[in-house]
Amino acid sequence: MYDIRGKQDFIYRCNRIKEIVGGSYIIRDCFDDCLFPAAEAVFGEEQKKSGKIYKRKGIFSYRRKHSVDEPDDFTPEHFKKRLEEGYIGEVIYDGGGNFFVLYRDV
């Protein structure tokens, strides 16, 4: 679990909606701009060392899905399918300053 601490305190102490929304976007961008690319970079290095050939996809997130045919919620069956597709993890929950990611066993 990844946790952004202090978000709730900030929201309840601040009555400026623009700052609250901006803070939420900053938190979202932390994951989008840092965690997802880092997972792809690390997984790419792991691929080279192991000699295994995978599609380099990193972490799957339903919020970032690219097809309307994809399901909207996490299930163990969908997680297994994501691993077969080359992902190293899947976002289970994303909201309220918390971010749960289930990773494959290395």
C-alpha atoms as a PDB file:
ATOM      1  CA  MET A   1       0.000   0.000   0.000  1.00  0.00           C
ATOM      2  CA  TYR A   2       1.189   3.452  -0.830  1.00  0.00           C
ATOM      3  CA  ASP A   3      -0.203   6.187   1.394  1.00  0.00           C
ATOM      4  CA  ILE A   4      -0.113   9.954   1.059  1.00  0.00           C
ATOM      5  CA  ARG A   5      -0.329  11.178   4.635  1.00  0.00           C
ATOM      6  CA  GLY A   6      -1.907  14.433   5.677  1.00  0.00           C
ATOM      7  CA  LYS A   7      -4.373  14.787   2.831  1.00  0.00           C
ATOM      8  CA  GLN A   8      -7.433  14.579   5.080  1.00  0.00           C
ATOM      9  CA  ASP A   9      -5.998  17.117   7.546  1.00  0.00           C
ATOM     10  CA  PHE A  10      -5.347  19.474   4.663  1.00  0.00           C
ATOM     11  CA  ILE A  11      -8.861  19.078   3.262  1.00  0.00           C
ATOM     12  CA  TYR A  12     -10.587  19.693   6.595  1.00  0.00           C
ATOM     13  CA  ARG A  13      -8.422  22.710   7.460  1.00  0.00           C
ATOM     14  CA  CYS A  14      -8.661  24.356   4.066  1.00  0.00           C
ATOM     15  CA  ASN A  15     -11.859  25.789   2.644  1.00  0.00           C
ATOM     16  CA  ARG A  16     -10.440  26.694  -0.750  1.00  0.00           C
ATOM     17  CA  ILE A  17     -11.761  24.221  -3.287  1.00  0.00           C
ATOM     18  CA  LYS A  18      -9.080  25.025  -5.885  1.00  0.00           C
ATOM     19  CA  GLU A  19      -6.316  24.083  -3.443  1.00  0.00           C
ATOM     20  CA  ILE A  20      -8.100  20.882  -2.415  1.00  0.00           C
ATOM     21  CA  VAL A  21      -8.611  19.811  -6.031  1.00  0.00           C
ATOM     22  CA  GLY A  22      -5.041  20.805  -6.871  1.00  0.00           C
ATOM     23  CA  GLY A  23      -3.735  18.688  -3.995  1.00  0.00           C
ATOM     24  CA  SER A  24      -5.692  15.695  -5.270  1.00  0.00           C
ATOM     25  CA  TYR A  25      -4.212  16.133  -8.736  1.00  0.00           C
ATOM     26  CA  ILE A  26      -0.704  16.357  -7.286  1.00  0.00           C
ATOM     27  CA  ILE A  27      -1.254  13.051  -5.465  1.00  0.00           C
ATOM     28  CA  ARG A  28      -2.607  11.415  -8.626  1.00  0.00           C
ATOM     29  CA  ASP A  29       0.336  12.738 -10.611  1.00  0.00           C
ATOM     30  CA  CYS A  30       2.805  11.286  -8.074  1.00  0.00           C
ATOM     31  CA  PHE A  31       1.575   7.857  -9.017  1.00  0.00           C
ATOM     32  CA  ASP A  32       1.141   8.533 -12.730  1.00  0.00           C
ATOM     33  CA  ASP A  33       4.449  10.351 -13.196  1.00  0.00           C
ATOM     34  CA  CYS A  34       6.638   8.406 -10.758  1.00  0.00           C
ATOM     35  CA  LEU A  35       5.346   4.978  -9.763  1.00  0.00           C
ATOM     36  CA  PHE A  36       4.142   3.713 -13.135  1.00  0.00           C
ATOM     37  CA  PRO A  37       7.291   4.741 -15.092  1.00  0.00           C
ATOM     38  CA  ALA A  38       9.551   3.448 -12.292  1.00  0.00           C
ATOM     39  CA  ALA A  39       7.831   0.053 -12.389  1.00  0.00           C
ATOM     40  CA  GLU A  40       8.331  -0.127 -16.140  1.00  0.00           C
ATOM     41  CA  ALA A  41      12.011   0.808 -15.814  1.00  0.00           C
ATOM     42  CA  VAL A  42      12.713  -1.711 -13.031  1.00  0.00           C
ATOM     43  CA  PHE A  43      10.789  -4.452 -14.800  1.00  0.00           C
ATOM     44  CA  GLY A  44      12.774  -3.773 -17.948  1.00  0.00           C
ATOM     45  CA  GLU A  45      16.034  -4.239 -16.023  1.00  0.00           C
ATOM     46  CA  GLU A  46      14.710  -7.436 -14.446  1.00  0.00           C
ATOM     47  CA  GLN A  47      13.841  -8.730 -17.901  1.00  0.00           C
ATOM     48  CA  LYS A  48      17.385  -8.208 -19.158  1.00  0.00           C
ATOM     49  CA  LYS A  49      18.910 -10.003 -16.165  1.00  0.00           C
ATOM     50  CA  SER A  50      16.556 -12.991 -16.249  1.00  0.00           C
ATOM     51  CA  GLY A  51      16.636 -13.433 -20.013  1.00  0.00           C
ATOM     52  CA  LYS A  52      12.862 -13.809 -20.013  1.00  0.00           C
ATOM     53  CA  ILE A  53      10.909 -12.115 -22.744  1.00  0.00           C
ATOM     54  CA  TYR A  54       7.871 -10.188 -21.556  1.00  0.00           C
ATOM     55  CA  LYS A  55       5.998  -7.268 -22.930  1.00  0.00           C
ATOM     56  CA  ARG A  56       7.222  -4.378 -20.813  1.00  0.00           C
ATOM     57  CA  LYS A  57       4.005  -3.025 -19.320  1.00  0.00           C
ATOM     58  CA  GLY A  58       4.632  -2.196 -15.658  1.00  0.00           C
ATOM     59  CA  ILE A  59       1.521  -1.789 -13.477  1.00  0.00           C
ATOM     60  CA  PHE A  60      -2.047  -2.099 -14.717  1.00  0.00           C
ATOM     61  CA  SER A  61      -4.627   0.416 -13.485  1.00  0.00           C
ATOM     62  CA  TYR A  62      -8.331   0.355 -14.286  1.00  0.00           C
ATOM     63  CA  ARG A  63      -8.298   4.161 -14.121  1.00  0.00           C
ATOM     64  CA  ARG A  64      -5.802   4.146 -16.990  1.00  0.00           C
ATOM     65  CA  LYS A  65      -7.348   1.331 -19.027  1.00  0.00           C
ATOM     66  CA  HIS A  66      -7.185   1.646 -22.786  1.00  0.00           C
ATOM     67  CA  SER A  67     -10.171  -0.419 -23.865  1.00  0.00           C
ATOM     68  CA  VAL A  68     -13.878  -0.306 -23.083  1.00  0.00           C
ATOM     69  CA  ASP A  69     -13.852  -4.126 -23.172  1.00  0.00           C
ATOM     70  CA  GLU A  70     -11.735  -4.295 -20.024  1.00  0.00           C
ATOM     71  CA  PRO A  71     -13.537  -4.905 -16.715  1.00  0.00           C
ATOM     72  CA  ASP A  72     -13.989  -2.067 -14.232  1.00  0.00           C
ATOM     73  CA  ASP A  73     -12.994  -3.908 -11.065  1.00  0.00           C
ATOM     74  CA  PHE A  74     -10.229  -6.100  -9.695  1.00  0.00           C
ATOM     75  CA  THR A  75     -10.731  -9.861  -9.482  1.00  0.00           C
ATOM     76  CA  PRO A  76      -8.138 -12.605  -8.934  1.00  0.00           C
ATOM     77  CA  GLU A  77      -8.966 -13.978 -12.384  1.00  0.00           C
ATOM     78  CA  HIS A  78      -8.331 -10.619 -14.042  1.00  0.00           C
ATOM     79  CA  PHE A  79      -5.093 -10.266 -12.053  1.00  0.00           C
ATOM     80  CA  LYS A  80      -3.867 -13.616 -13.367  1.00  0.00           C
ATOM     81  CA  LYS A  81      -4.709 -12.491 -16.899  1.00  0.00           C
ATOM     82  CA  ARG A  82      -2.770  -9.233 -16.406  1.00  0.00           C
ATOM     83  CA  LEU A  83       0.292 -11.179 -15.285  1.00  0.00           C
ATOM     84  CA  GLU A  84       0.058 -13.345 -18.396  1.00  0.00           C
ATOM     85  CA  GLU A  85      -0.110 -10.143 -20.463  1.00  0.00           C
ATOM     86  CA  GLY A  86       3.207  -8.997 -18.979  1.00  0.00           C
ATOM     87  CA  TYR A  87       2.185  -6.653 -16.172  1.00  0.00           C
ATOM     88  CA  ILE A  88       4.093  -6.843 -12.868  1.00  0.00           C
ATOM     89  CA  GLY A  89       1.222  -5.570 -10.740  1.00  0.00           C
ATOM     90  CA  GLU A  90      -2.290  -4.239 -10.697  1.00  0.00           C
ATOM     91  CA  VAL A  91      -3.928  -1.363  -8.852  1.00  0.00           C
ATOM     92  CA  ILE A  92      -6.611  -2.711  -6.526  1.00  0.00           C
ATOM     93  CA  TYR A  93      -7.721   0.592  -5.002  1.00  0.00           C
ATOM     94  CA  ASP A  94      -6.934   4.205  -5.783  1.00  0.00           C
ATOM     95  CA  GLY A  95      -8.593   6.913  -3.733  1.00  0.00           C
ATOM     96  CA  GLY A  96      -8.554   9.035  -0.612  1.00  0.00           C
ATOM     97  CA  GLY A  97      -4.784   9.372  -0.666  1.00  0.00           C
ATOM     98  CA  ASN A  98      -4.310   5.597  -0.618  1.00  0.00           C
ATOM     99  CA  PHE A  99      -3.072   3.461  -3.434  1.00  0.00           C
ATOM    100  CA  PHE A 100      -3.121  -0.344  -3.164  1.00  0.00           C
ATOM    101  CA  VAL A 101      -1.060  -2.298  -5.684  1.00  0.00           C
ATOM    102  CA  LEU A 102      -0.861  -6.083  -5.840  1.00  0.00           C
ATOM    103  CA  TYR A 103       2.440  -7.253  -7.343  1.00  0.00           C
ATOM    104  CA  ARG A 104       3.351 -10.580  -8.867  1.00  0.00           C
ATOM    105  CA  ASP A 105       5.673 -12.835  -6.904  1.00  0.00           C
ATOM    106  CA  VAL A 106       9.229 -12.455  -8.129  1.00  0.00           C
END
